[in-house]
Amino acid sequence: MRGRRMAVAGAAVAALAGTAVLGVPPAAGTTWADAGGHVPDGGPARFRQQKIDWHRCQTGPDDTTGKELDEANAQCAEVTVPLDYSRPGGRTVKVAMSRLKATDPGRRRGALLYNPGGPGVPAMYLTLQVKRAAPEVAARYDLIGMDPRFVGRSTPLNCGWPSVAVGSAGPDRRTFEQSAALAKDLASRCAAHRDVLPHASTRNTARDMDVIRAALGEPKLSYLGSSYGTYLGEVYLQLFPRRADRVVLDSALNPDLFGPDLTSTQGPAVAAALEHWAAWAARHHDRYRLGSTTAQVLAAVNRINQTVNRGPIKVGGHEVDSRVLPQLLWNVTAGDSDETYASFAADVRVLSDAARGVKVTPTPVLEQVLTGLSAPDADGTASVQTAIQCADRAASRDSEAYYRDIQAHRADEPVFGPLTRNLTPCSFWPADPAEPPTRVRNNVPVLMVGATGDPAAVYPGQQAAHRALAGSHLVTLRGAFRHTVYGGLFAPRNACIDDVVNRYLTDGVMPARDTACPGTPPAGKG
């Protein structure tokens, strides 16, 4: 469990770094787009009918994930897709995928593609997690893991960033200007890739998915998406409504807001998660010494924040300043189990001692996150994540608008507001989106699951997605403060949610109406 907590904590920090029209093929001499500039299909026949050359997954002796895929009898392959679907005769890119064949071939239903979120997270390896979490689903479907375009093994994009995140705007004008300068510098380092940046969009990744569906010979594609993967699913449903089979969206994002500024909606939800954790920590004051009431624990966190706003504190071999601290506290989003809460409480205890000038040794989680935040973006994860967001929706280039917004919320969002409302490299991005944002409005049947206290896919956003997807049914995990709820893939699992999802994927049984599952509160054991 601690390994999952550390992985989720790192992922949480890293994350802070128009309607399509289906139509007929274009006449000769035109682009693969309709008069409105929309691309209506997965490209010409040469992409949709390409032959897939399956091979072993391990690429070399150091490729441990490929080795594990091979040991699980997975197959790997690449498909060729257009860089720009409106110009299918132009440049192409490779998209890599893995396949775990259905373990019960006689009852096989089809292919199910999984995207875990991000954006910008490689998914080839994660099919193994789905198989372990839901063997009954793995029995009925070929599980497909796709590294989205420019991610992992799919023609990777790397801007060579010296840092993985802009971080918080800090307490004043000076620190805000420092964060803006960092965002501008990071954006400038992607200028060499401006020819491909407009094509890193979720719309194009959805089109790539449909090329994979067609190349696999599947008339329809089933889909499991969590976090950002829900937005990818929403876009796929809008572009290809008749090609969706059984679709599950875990912790859905608001399709009308996804883009560089989506985090601006998250501050209150993260604060609520922090308060929920603080109530737990108060019950364990004898162990963590952070306060015997919720208010006292929150006051202890605020004291750390106020101290860091005056100057950096020393945590082992690291300095924690106002740019970094909110990113560390963001790790309260890692889950709401006793174990994750205990781990976070240990982190806060260390930060509290450091704020009082005590020499401290960081916990393993703190060490991992602090090391990651001070390291360069070696594999390009942060830069490609940003590229996807910038390609999906243009950000304001008025830095003063961001500063005014932060200032307006200093009182009600003192810890997380300067982080969630800060500008990003998209405000200085060297390329504009190639297409307008996707307007998601359809009635394709979809099963949605999510938690009321989700700090990342905030519940009002889930409800907005539910309204946009008129054919969806929403199963809510009440009283839970976790991001993603199915299968224990990234957060504690819930048997009620798992049963609903597995029954739908295996038997096609959709809940008759929106319903709820009870959350499992922490047992109180520290």
Protein backbone atom coordinates (compact mmCIF):
# COMPACT_ATOMS: atom_id res chain seq x y z
CA MET A 1 0.00 0.00 0.00
CA ARG A 2 2.83 2.43 0.77
CA GLY A 3 4.17 1.92 -2.73
CA ARG A 4 0.78 2.89 -4.17
CA ARG A 5 0.63 5.89 -1.82
CA MET A 6 4.05 7.06 -3.04
CA ALA A 7 3.11 6.53 -6.68
CA VAL A 8 -0.17 8.41 -6.29
CA ALA A 9 1.57 11.19 -4.40
CA GLY A 10 4.08 11.65 -7.19
CA ALA A 11 1.35 11.60 -9.79
CA ALA A 12 -0.66 14.19 -7.87
CA VAL A 13 2.29 16.59 -7.90
CA ALA A 14 3.14 15.93 -11.52
CA ALA A 15 -0.43 16.75 -12.46
CA LEU A 16 0.27 20.31 -11.36
CA ALA A 17 2.74 20.87 -13.82
CA GLY A 18 -17.05 22.47 -31.46
CA THR A 19 -19.20 19.26 -32.20
CA ALA A 20 -17.79 16.84 -34.73
CA VAL A 21 -19.95 15.79 -37.64
CA LEU A 22 -19.86 12.25 -38.99
CA GLY A 23 -19.70 12.24 -42.75
CA VAL A 24 -18.59 10.55 -45.93
CA PRO A 25 -15.02 10.52 -47.27
CA PRO A 26 -13.96 13.73 -48.99
CA ALA A 27 -13.70 14.08 -52.71
CA ALA A 28 -10.31 13.87 -54.33
CA GLY A 29 -8.18 16.94 -53.74
CA THR A 30 -9.88 17.95 -50.47
CA THR A 31 -8.70 17.45 -46.91
CA TRP A 32 -10.19 14.88 -44.58
CA ALA A 33 -12.44 17.48 -42.99
CA ASP A 34 -15.87 18.92 -43.48
CA ALA A 35 -16.66 22.50 -44.46
CA GLY A 36 -16.51 23.59 -40.82
CA GLY A 37 -12.97 22.32 -40.44
CA HIS A 38 -13.95 19.27 -38.39
CA VAL A 39 -12.42 15.89 -39.09
CA PRO A 40 -15.35 13.46 -39.28
CA ASP A 41 -13.65 10.08 -39.30
CA GLY A 42 -10.59 8.15 -38.26
CA GLY A 43 -8.83 8.96 -41.50
CA PRO A 44 -8.61 7.32 -44.93
CA ALA A 45 -8.74 3.58 -45.42
CA ARG A 46 -4.95 3.21 -45.46
CA PHE A 47 -4.93 4.07 -41.74
CA ARG A 48 -8.10 2.27 -40.73
CA GLN A 49 -7.24 -0.91 -42.67
CA GLN A 50 -3.56 -1.15 -41.81
CA LYS A 51 -2.23 -4.52 -40.74
CA ILE A 52 -1.04 -4.73 -37.15
CA ASP A 53 2.32 -6.42 -36.68
CA TRP A 54 2.27 -7.81 -33.13
CA HIS A 55 5.61 -8.43 -31.45
CA ARG A 56 7.25 -8.86 -28.07
CA CYS A 57 7.03 -5.89 -25.73
CA GLN A 58 10.50 -5.79 -24.20
CA THR A 59 12.76 -3.43 -26.13
CA GLY A 60 16.01 -4.20 -24.34
CA PRO A 61 17.57 -5.64 -21.18
CA ASP A 62 16.67 -2.56 -19.12
CA ASP A 63 13.01 -2.51 -20.20
CA THR A 64 11.43 -3.98 -17.06
CA THR A 65 7.88 -2.98 -17.98
CA GLY A 66 8.21 -4.62 -21.39
CA LYS A 67 9.58 -7.72 -19.71
CA GLU A 68 6.61 -7.87 -17.36
CA LEU A 69 4.21 -7.49 -20.26
CA ASP A 70 5.95 -10.35 -22.07
CA GLU A 71 5.78 -12.53 -18.96
CA ALA A 72 2.02 -11.90 -18.89
CA ASN A 73 1.78 -13.03 -22.55
CA ALA A 74 0.93 -9.54 -23.75
CA GLN A 75 1.57 -8.43 -27.32
CA CYS A 76 2.77 -5.02 -28.44
CA ALA A 77 2.48 -3.15 -31.72
CA GLU A 78 2.40 0.27 -33.35
CA VAL A 79 -0.12 1.85 -35.67
CA THR A 80 0.56 4.70 -38.06
CA VAL A 81 -1.72 7.74 -37.80
CA PRO A 82 -1.75 11.19 -39.41
CA LEU A 83 -0.04 13.96 -37.49
CA ASP A 84 -2.83 16.21 -38.76
CA TYR A 85 -6.07 14.41 -39.61
CA SER A 86 -7.15 17.29 -41.84
CA ARG A 87 -4.09 16.53 -44.01
CA PRO A 88 -3.95 12.73 -44.11
CA GLY A 89 -1.42 12.75 -46.92
CA GLY A 90 1.09 14.62 -44.79
CA ARG A 91 3.35 13.61 -41.91
CA THR A 92 2.54 10.57 -39.81
CA VAL A 93 3.36 9.48 -36.28
CA LYS A 94 3.49 6.11 -34.57
CA VAL A 95 1.17 5.20 -31.69
CA ALA A 96 2.20 2.24 -29.55
CA MET A 97 -0.15 -0.15 -27.81
CA SER A 98 -0.28 -3.41 -25.89
CA ARG A 99 -2.86 -6.17 -25.90
CA LEU A 100 -3.76 -8.76 -23.28
CA LYS A 101 -6.06 -11.25 -24.96
CA ALA A 102 -9.31 -12.23 -23.24
CA THR A 103 -8.66 -15.11 -20.87
CA ASP A 104 -12.00 -16.76 -21.76
CA PRO A 105 -11.96 -16.69 -25.59
CA GLY A 106 -15.28 -18.51 -25.84
CA ARG A 107 -17.03 -15.65 -24.04
CA ARG A 108 -14.97 -12.83 -25.53
CA ARG A 109 -17.03 -9.69 -26.16
CA GLY A 110 -14.49 -7.47 -27.89
CA ALA A 111 -11.71 -5.00 -27.10
CA LEU A 112 -11.62 -2.62 -24.13
CA LEU A 113 -9.17 0.28 -24.22
CA TYR A 114 -8.00 1.72 -20.90
CA ASN A 115 -6.69 5.23 -20.25
CA PRO A 116 -5.68 6.03 -16.64
CA GLY A 117 -5.58 9.80 -16.96
CA GLY A 118 -2.81 12.35 -16.77
CA PRO A 119 -2.88 13.61 -19.41
CA GLY A 120 0.36 12.27 -20.76
CA VAL A 121 0.52 8.96 -18.86
CA PRO A 122 1.76 5.86 -20.73
CA ALA A 123 -0.90 3.16 -20.52
CA MET A 124 0.64 0.13 -22.25
CA TYR A 125 1.81 -1.35 -18.97
CA LEU A 126 -1.33 -0.50 -17.01
CA THR A 127 -3.45 -3.16 -18.70
CA LEU A 128 -1.75 -5.53 -16.26
CA GLN A 129 -3.26 -3.59 -13.36
CA VAL A 130 -6.72 -3.80 -14.89
CA LYS A 131 -6.35 -7.55 -15.32
CA ARG A 132 -5.30 -7.97 -11.70
CA ALA A 133 -8.04 -5.68 -10.41
CA ALA A 134 -10.87 -7.12 -12.53
CA PRO A 135 -10.15 -10.67 -13.77
CA GLU A 136 -13.80 -11.09 -14.73
CA VAL A 137 -13.45 -8.15 -17.13
CA ALA A 138 -10.14 -9.48 -18.45
CA ALA A 139 -11.90 -12.75 -19.20
CA ARG A 140 -14.38 -11.09 -21.57
CA TYR A 141 -12.24 -8.46 -23.29
CA ASP A 142 -8.93 -8.02 -25.01
CA LEU A 143 -7.41 -5.29 -22.84
CA ILE A 144 -5.75 -2.55 -24.90
CA GLY A 145 -3.27 -0.11 -23.42
CA MET A 146 -2.31 2.82 -25.66
CA ASP A 147 0.49 5.29 -25.08
CA PRO A 148 -1.22 8.43 -26.42
CA ARG A 149 0.50 10.33 -29.21
CA PHE A 150 3.76 11.97 -28.05
CA VAL A 151 3.71 9.94 -24.80
CA GLY A 152 5.93 7.01 -23.80
CA ARG A 153 6.64 4.88 -26.87
CA SER A 154 4.34 6.87 -29.18
CA THR A 155 6.65 9.29 -31.02
CA PRO A 156 7.60 10.91 -27.69
CA LEU A 157 7.76 14.67 -27.28
CA ASN A 158 10.31 16.13 -24.85
CA CYS A 159 10.99 19.85 -24.50
CA GLY A 160 13.92 19.34 -22.14
CA TRP A 161 12.41 21.22 -19.24
CA PRO A 162 14.70 21.90 -16.25
CA SER A 163 11.71 21.67 -13.90
CA VAL A 164 8.55 19.57 -13.78
CA ALA A 165 6.14 22.23 -12.51
CA VAL A 166 5.60 25.97 -12.23
CA GLY A 167 4.18 25.50 -8.76
CA SER A 168 2.48 28.03 -6.56
CA ALA A 169 2.43 31.77 -7.19
CA GLY A 170 3.43 32.33 -3.56
CA PRO A 171 2.35 35.14 -1.24
CA ASP A 172 3.01 38.34 -3.21
CA ARG A 173 3.72 40.09 -6.48
CA ARG A 174 7.42 39.17 -6.44
CA THR A 175 6.80 35.44 -6.12
CA PHE A 176 4.02 35.59 -8.72
CA GLU A 177 6.38 37.25 -11.18
CA GLN A 178 8.97 34.55 -10.49
CA SER A 179 6.42 31.83 -11.31
CA ALA A 180 5.38 33.68 -14.48
CA ALA A 181 9.01 33.91 -15.56
CA LEU A 182 9.42 30.16 -15.01
CA ALA A 183 6.24 29.43 -17.00
CA LYS A 184 7.48 31.63 -19.84
CA ASP A 185 10.87 29.92 -19.85
CA LEU A 186 9.32 26.45 -19.95
CA ALA A 187 7.05 27.44 -22.83
CA SER A 188 9.97 28.83 -24.81
CA ARG A 189 11.75 25.49 -24.59
CA CYS A 190 8.93 23.88 -26.56
CA ALA A 191 9.23 26.36 -29.46
CA ALA A 192 11.39 23.93 -31.42
CA HIS A 193 8.34 21.62 -31.59
CA ARG A 194 5.81 24.25 -32.66
CA ASP A 195 5.07 22.30 -35.85
CA VAL A 196 3.62 19.38 -33.88
CA LEU A 197 2.26 21.12 -30.77
CA PRO A 198 -1.16 22.01 -32.24
CA HIS A 199 -1.73 18.33 -33.00
CA ALA A 200 -1.20 17.02 -29.44
CA SER A 201 -4.89 17.46 -28.71
CA THR A 202 -7.31 15.07 -27.08
CA ARG A 203 -9.38 15.19 -30.29
CA ASN A 204 -6.50 13.67 -32.19
CA THR A 205 -5.88 11.06 -29.51
CA ALA A 206 -9.55 10.09 -29.78
CA ARG A 207 -9.10 9.77 -33.54
CA ASP A 208 -6.04 7.60 -32.93
CA MET A 209 -8.21 5.38 -30.73
CA ASP A 210 -10.60 4.90 -33.59
CA VAL A 211 -7.79 4.01 -35.96
CA ILE A 212 -6.78 1.34 -33.44
CA ARG A 213 -10.37 0.10 -33.23
CA ALA A 214 -10.60 -0.21 -37.00
CA ALA A 215 -7.17 -1.80 -37.37
CA LEU A 216 -8.13 -4.37 -34.73
CA GLY A 217 -11.16 -5.25 -36.85
CA GLU A 218 -13.59 -4.30 -34.08
CA PRO A 219 -16.92 -2.78 -35.15
CA LYS A 220 -17.16 -1.09 -31.74
CA LEU A 221 -14.78 -0.25 -28.91
CA SER A 222 -15.39 -0.56 -25.18
CA TYR A 223 -13.60 1.90 -22.97
CA LEU A 224 -12.53 2.47 -19.37
CA GLY A 225 -11.21 5.93 -18.55
CA SER A 226 -10.35 7.58 -15.25
CA SER A 227 -9.51 11.20 -14.43
CA TYR A 228 -8.27 12.83 -17.69
CA GLY A 229 -9.14 9.52 -19.35
CA THR A 230 -12.79 10.46 -18.84
CA TYR A 231 -12.34 13.58 -20.95
CA LEU A 232 -10.70 11.49 -23.65
CA GLY A 233 -13.71 9.18 -23.45
CA GLU A 234 -16.13 12.11 -23.63
CA VAL A 235 -14.42 13.40 -26.77
CA TYR A 236 -14.41 9.93 -28.35
CA LEU A 237 -18.13 9.58 -27.68
CA GLN A 238 -18.75 12.93 -29.36
CA LEU A 239 -16.61 12.19 -32.41
CA PHE A 240 -17.57 8.53 -32.83
CA PRO A 241 -20.90 7.94 -31.06
CA ARG A 242 -21.85 4.89 -33.12
CA ARG A 243 -18.54 3.15 -32.48
CA ALA A 244 -18.77 3.06 -28.68
CA ASP A 245 -19.76 -0.19 -27.02
CA ARG A 246 -19.67 -0.29 -23.20
CA VAL A 247 -18.09 2.82 -21.75
CA VAL A 248 -17.18 3.51 -18.11
CA LEU A 249 -15.97 6.94 -16.96
CA ASP A 250 -14.43 6.97 -13.48
CA SER A 251 -14.28 10.45 -11.90
CA ALA A 252 -15.40 12.45 -14.90
CA LEU A 253 -14.06 15.89 -15.77
CA ASN A 254 -16.26 18.75 -16.92
CA PRO A 255 -15.86 18.70 -20.72
CA ASP A 256 -16.70 22.41 -20.95
CA LEU A 257 -13.71 23.36 -18.78
CA PHE A 258 -10.92 20.90 -19.53
CA GLY A 259 -7.72 22.70 -20.41
CA PRO A 260 -4.91 24.67 -18.79
CA ASP A 261 -7.15 26.41 -16.23
CA LEU A 262 -9.18 23.41 -15.05
CA THR A 263 -7.29 23.39 -11.74
CA SER A 264 -8.83 26.74 -10.82
CA THR A 265 -11.97 24.83 -9.82
CA GLN A 266 -10.12 22.45 -7.50
CA GLY A 267 -9.03 24.65 -4.59
CA PRO A 268 -12.20 24.34 -2.47
CA ALA A 269 -12.39 20.59 -3.07
CA VAL A 270 -8.77 20.07 -2.01
CA ALA A 271 -9.39 22.23 1.05
CA ALA A 272 -12.38 20.03 1.91
CA ALA A 273 -10.19 16.93 1.57
CA LEU A 274 -7.63 18.59 3.84
CA GLU A 275 -10.33 19.27 6.42
CA HIS A 276 -11.50 15.65 6.26
CA TRP A 277 -7.94 14.49 6.85
CA ALA A 278 -7.55 17.05 9.68
CA ALA A 279 -10.51 15.50 11.50
CA TRP A 280 -8.77 12.13 11.25
CA ALA A 281 -5.45 13.60 12.43
CA ALA A 282 -7.18 15.21 15.43
CA ARG A 283 -8.31 11.76 16.54
CA HIS A 284 -4.65 10.74 16.47
CA HIS A 285 -3.16 13.73 18.23
CA ASP A 286 -1.32 11.39 20.60
CA ARG A 287 0.72 10.09 17.67
CA TYR A 288 1.14 13.07 15.33
CA ARG A 289 0.85 16.01 17.78
CA LEU A 290 -0.83 18.26 15.24
CA GLY A 291 -3.86 19.22 17.34
CA SER A 292 -6.73 17.52 19.13
CA THR A 293 -9.46 19.22 17.08
CA THR A 294 -9.97 19.69 13.36
CA ALA A 295 -9.51 23.45 13.76
CA GLN A 296 -6.23 22.99 15.60
CA VAL A 297 -4.84 20.68 12.91
CA LEU A 298 -5.81 23.12 10.16
CA ALA A 299 -4.21 25.92 12.17
CA ALA A 300 -1.00 23.88 12.30
CA VAL A 301 -1.06 23.60 8.50
CA ASN A 302 -1.68 27.33 8.17
CA ARG A 303 1.28 28.06 10.46
CA ILE A 304 3.53 26.02 8.17
CA ASN A 305 2.18 27.97 5.19
CA GLN A 306 2.70 31.34 6.91
CA THR A 307 6.24 30.41 7.91
CA VAL A 308 7.15 29.35 4.38
CA ASN A 309 5.60 32.53 2.99
CA ARG A 310 8.19 34.45 5.02
CA GLY A 311 11.08 32.33 3.79
CA PRO A 312 12.08 28.76 2.91
CA ILE A 313 12.42 25.98 5.48
CA LYS A 314 14.94 23.15 5.46
CA VAL A 315 13.65 19.58 5.07
CA GLY A 316 16.60 17.19 5.00
CA GLY A 317 18.71 18.19 2.04
CA HIS A 318 15.88 20.20 0.44
CA GLU A 319 14.57 23.73 0.76
CA VAL A 320 10.79 24.12 0.81
CA ASP A 321 9.58 27.56 -0.26
CA SER A 322 6.19 29.06 -1.04
CA ARG A 323 6.34 27.69 -4.61
CA VAL A 324 6.79 24.12 -3.38
CA LEU A 325 4.81 23.78 -0.13
CA PRO A 326 1.29 23.73 -1.66
CA GLN A 327 2.46 20.97 -4.00
CA LEU A 328 3.52 18.90 -0.97
CA LEU A 329 0.21 19.55 0.79
CA TRP A 330 -1.59 18.57 -2.44
CA ASN A 331 -0.67 15.01 -1.55
CA VAL A 332 -3.69 14.91 0.74
CA THR A 333 -5.46 13.96 -2.50
CA ALA A 334 -3.72 10.56 -2.56
CA GLY A 335 -6.68 8.88 -0.86
CA ASP A 336 -8.79 8.74 2.26
CA SER A 337 -7.84 5.42 3.81
CA ASP A 338 -6.26 5.12 7.24
CA GLU A 339 -2.96 4.22 5.67
CA THR A 340 -2.80 7.16 3.27
CA TYR A 341 -3.99 9.56 5.97
CA ALA A 342 -1.35 8.26 8.38
CA SER A 343 1.34 8.69 5.75
CA PHE A 344 0.22 12.26 5.03
CA ALA A 345 0.06 13.07 8.74
CA ALA A 346 3.68 11.93 9.07
CA ASP A 347 4.60 14.28 6.22
CA VAL A 348 2.85 17.22 7.87
CA ARG A 349 4.49 16.43 11.20
CA VAL A 350 7.91 16.69 9.55
CA LEU A 351 6.96 19.96 7.84
CA SER A 352 5.62 21.36 11.11
CA ASP A 353 8.87 20.57 12.92
CA ALA A 354 10.91 22.06 10.09
CA ALA A 355 8.82 25.24 10.24
CA ARG A 356 9.82 25.56 13.92
CA GLY A 357 13.48 25.30 12.99
CA VAL A 358 13.92 21.67 14.05
CA LYS A 359 16.36 19.61 12.02
CA VAL A 360 14.26 16.94 10.29
CA THR A 361 14.58 13.90 8.07
CA PRO A 362 11.90 13.70 5.36
CA THR A 363 9.60 10.71 5.20
CA PRO A 364 10.08 8.42 2.18
CA VAL A 365 7.11 10.08 0.47
CA LEU A 366 8.42 13.58 1.12
CA GLU A 367 11.85 12.58 -0.09
CA GLN A 368 10.41 11.14 -3.28
CA VAL A 369 8.27 14.17 -4.05
CA LEU A 370 10.90 16.76 -3.13
CA THR A 371 13.48 14.96 -5.23
CA GLY A 372 11.06 14.84 -8.14
CA LEU A 373 10.17 18.52 -7.88
CA SER A 374 13.82 19.56 -7.90
CA ALA A 375 14.73 17.29 -10.82
CA PRO A 376 14.49 18.11 -14.53
CA ASP A 377 11.66 16.70 -16.63
CA ALA A 378 13.96 14.00 -17.95
CA ASP A 379 11.40 11.89 -19.80
CA GLY A 380 9.24 14.79 -21.00
CA THR A 381 6.17 13.81 -18.96
CA ALA A 382 5.49 17.34 -17.72
CA SER A 383 6.07 19.03 -21.07
CA VAL A 384 3.82 16.64 -23.02
CA GLN A 385 1.12 16.89 -20.36
CA THR A 386 1.18 20.65 -20.79
CA ALA A 387 1.26 20.33 -24.58
CA ILE A 388 -1.98 18.32 -24.52
CA GLN A 389 -3.74 20.88 -22.36
CA CYS A 390 -2.51 23.79 -24.48
CA ALA A 391 -3.68 22.05 -27.67
CA ASP A 392 -7.14 21.42 -26.22
CA ARG A 393 -8.02 24.94 -25.13
CA ALA A 394 -6.24 28.27 -25.42
CA ALA A 395 -5.23 29.91 -22.16
CA SER A 396 -5.43 33.60 -21.42
CA ARG A 397 -2.20 35.40 -22.22
CA ASP A 398 -3.06 38.16 -19.73
CA SER A 399 -0.88 37.37 -16.74
CA GLU A 400 -2.51 40.16 -14.77
CA ALA A 401 -5.84 38.34 -14.96
CA TYR A 402 -4.29 35.39 -13.14
CA TYR A 403 -2.74 37.64 -10.50
CA ARG A 404 -6.06 39.42 -9.88
CA ASP A 405 -7.82 36.06 -9.54
CA ILE A 406 -5.26 34.81 -7.03
CA GLN A 407 -5.52 38.03 -5.02
CA ALA A 408 -9.33 37.82 -5.01
CA HIS A 409 -9.11 34.38 -3.37
CA ARG A 410 -6.28 34.98 -0.87
CA ALA A 411 -8.72 34.92 2.04
CA ASP A 412 -10.89 31.95 1.10
CA GLU A 413 -8.14 29.82 -0.55
CA PRO A 414 -4.97 30.81 1.36
CA VAL A 415 -3.05 27.57 0.86
CA PHE A 416 -4.15 26.12 -2.49
CA GLY A 417 -5.48 29.18 -4.37
CA PRO A 418 -2.03 30.47 -5.41
CA LEU A 419 -1.33 26.99 -6.80
CA THR A 420 -4.60 26.07 -8.50
CA ARG A 421 -5.23 29.57 -9.90
CA ASN A 422 -1.69 30.25 -11.10
CA LEU A 423 -0.86 30.63 -14.76
CA THR A 424 0.79 27.84 -16.71
CA PRO A 425 3.19 27.67 -19.67
CA CYS A 426 0.09 27.69 -21.89
CA SER A 427 -0.15 31.46 -21.29
CA PHE A 428 3.13 31.77 -23.21
CA TRP A 429 2.74 28.78 -25.52
CA PRO A 430 4.47 29.03 -28.92
CA ALA A 431 1.54 27.48 -30.83
CA ASP A 432 -2.22 27.97 -30.87
CA PRO A 433 -4.71 25.06 -30.85
CA ALA A 434 -5.46 23.75 -34.34
CA GLU A 435 -9.16 23.29 -33.53
CA PRO A 436 -11.71 24.73 -31.11
CA PRO A 437 -12.51 22.81 -27.93
CA THR A 438 -14.85 19.87 -28.35
CA ARG A 439 -18.43 20.62 -27.33
CA VAL A 440 -19.67 17.39 -25.77
CA ARG A 441 -23.41 16.90 -26.04
CA ASN A 442 -24.79 13.42 -26.87
CA ASN A 443 -27.00 10.64 -25.53
CA VAL A 444 -24.68 7.64 -25.92
CA PRO A 445 -25.16 5.17 -23.03
CA VAL A 446 -22.38 5.61 -20.47
CA LEU A 447 -21.78 4.41 -16.91
CA MET A 448 -20.23 7.12 -14.73
CA VAL A 449 -18.83 6.55 -11.23
CA GLY A 450 -17.24 9.05 -8.86
CA ALA A 451 -16.92 10.34 -5.32
CA THR A 452 -18.65 13.37 -3.81
CA GLY A 453 -15.40 14.54 -2.19
CA ASP A 454 -13.13 14.00 -5.20
CA PRO A 455 -10.47 16.73 -4.90
CA ALA A 456 -9.44 16.63 -8.58
CA ALA A 457 -12.55 15.68 -10.58
CA VAL A 458 -14.73 17.92 -8.44
CA TYR A 459 -18.29 16.68 -7.99
CA PRO A 460 -19.96 19.69 -9.66
CA GLY A 461 -17.78 18.94 -12.69
CA GLN A 462 -18.88 15.30 -12.63
CA GLN A 463 -22.50 16.46 -12.57
CA ALA A 464 -21.82 18.79 -15.52
CA ALA A 465 -20.37 15.85 -17.47
CA HIS A 466 -23.43 13.79 -16.53
CA ARG A 467 -25.71 16.48 -17.97
CA ALA A 468 -23.63 16.76 -21.15
CA LEU A 469 -23.80 12.99 -21.62
CA ALA A 470 -27.57 12.68 -21.61
CA GLY A 471 -27.45 8.90 -21.93
CA SER A 472 -25.27 8.45 -18.85
CA HIS A 473 -26.10 6.98 -15.47
CA LEU A 474 -24.12 8.25 -12.47
CA VAL A 475 -23.26 6.06 -9.49
CA THR A 476 -21.93 8.24 -6.68
CA LEU A 477 -19.66 7.13 -3.86
CA ARG A 478 -20.91 9.31 -1.04
CA GLY A 479 -18.73 10.67 1.74
CA ALA A 480 -15.47 9.66 0.06
CA PHE A 481 -12.53 12.00 -0.49
CA ARG A 482 -10.60 10.19 -3.18
CA HIS A 483 -9.80 10.62 -6.86
CA THR A 484 -10.98 7.60 -8.87
CA VAL A 485 -13.14 4.92 -7.28
CA TYR A 486 -13.03 1.75 -9.40
CA GLY A 487 -10.94 -1.33 -8.91
CA GLY A 488 -8.46 0.04 -6.38
CA LEU A 489 -6.31 1.13 -9.33
CA PHE A 490 -5.29 4.46 -7.77
CA ALA A 491 -7.38 4.78 -4.60
CA PRO A 492 -9.02 2.45 -2.06
CA ARG A 493 -11.49 0.17 -3.75
CA ASN A 494 -15.18 0.02 -2.94
CA ALA A 495 -17.05 -3.25 -3.39
CA CYS A 496 -20.33 -1.53 -4.31
CA ILE A 497 -18.72 0.52 -7.09
CA ASP A 498 -16.73 -2.47 -8.34
CA ASP A 499 -19.84 -4.64 -8.53
CA VAL A 500 -21.77 -2.04 -10.55
CA VAL A 501 -18.92 -1.51 -13.04
CA ASN A 502 -18.06 -5.18 -13.44
CA ARG A 503 -21.68 -6.15 -13.95
CA TYR A 504 -22.06 -3.52 -16.66
CA LEU A 505 -18.87 -4.47 -18.48
CA THR A 506 -19.47 -8.22 -18.32
CA ASP A 507 -23.26 -8.49 -18.55
CA GLY A 508 -24.35 -5.13 -19.94
CA VAL A 509 -26.54 -4.37 -16.93
CA MET A 510 -26.76 -0.60 -16.46
CA PRO A 511 -28.33 0.80 -13.28
CA ALA A 512 -31.94 1.73 -14.01
CA ARG A 513 -31.34 5.21 -12.61
CA ASP A 514 -28.70 7.31 -10.90
CA THR A 515 -27.82 5.75 -7.58
CA ALA A 516 -25.27 5.90 -4.77
CA CYS A 517 -22.87 3.68 -2.90
CA PRO A 518 -21.93 4.37 0.73
CA GLY A 519 -18.36 5.43 1.34
CA THR A 520 -16.20 3.58 3.83
CA PRO A 521 -14.92 6.09 6.40
CA PRO A 522 -11.43 5.60 7.83
CA ALA A 523 -11.61 3.17 10.70
CA GLY A 524 -9.59 5.47 12.90
CA LYS A 525 -6.53 3.32 13.30
CA GLY A 526 -3.33 5.27 13.00
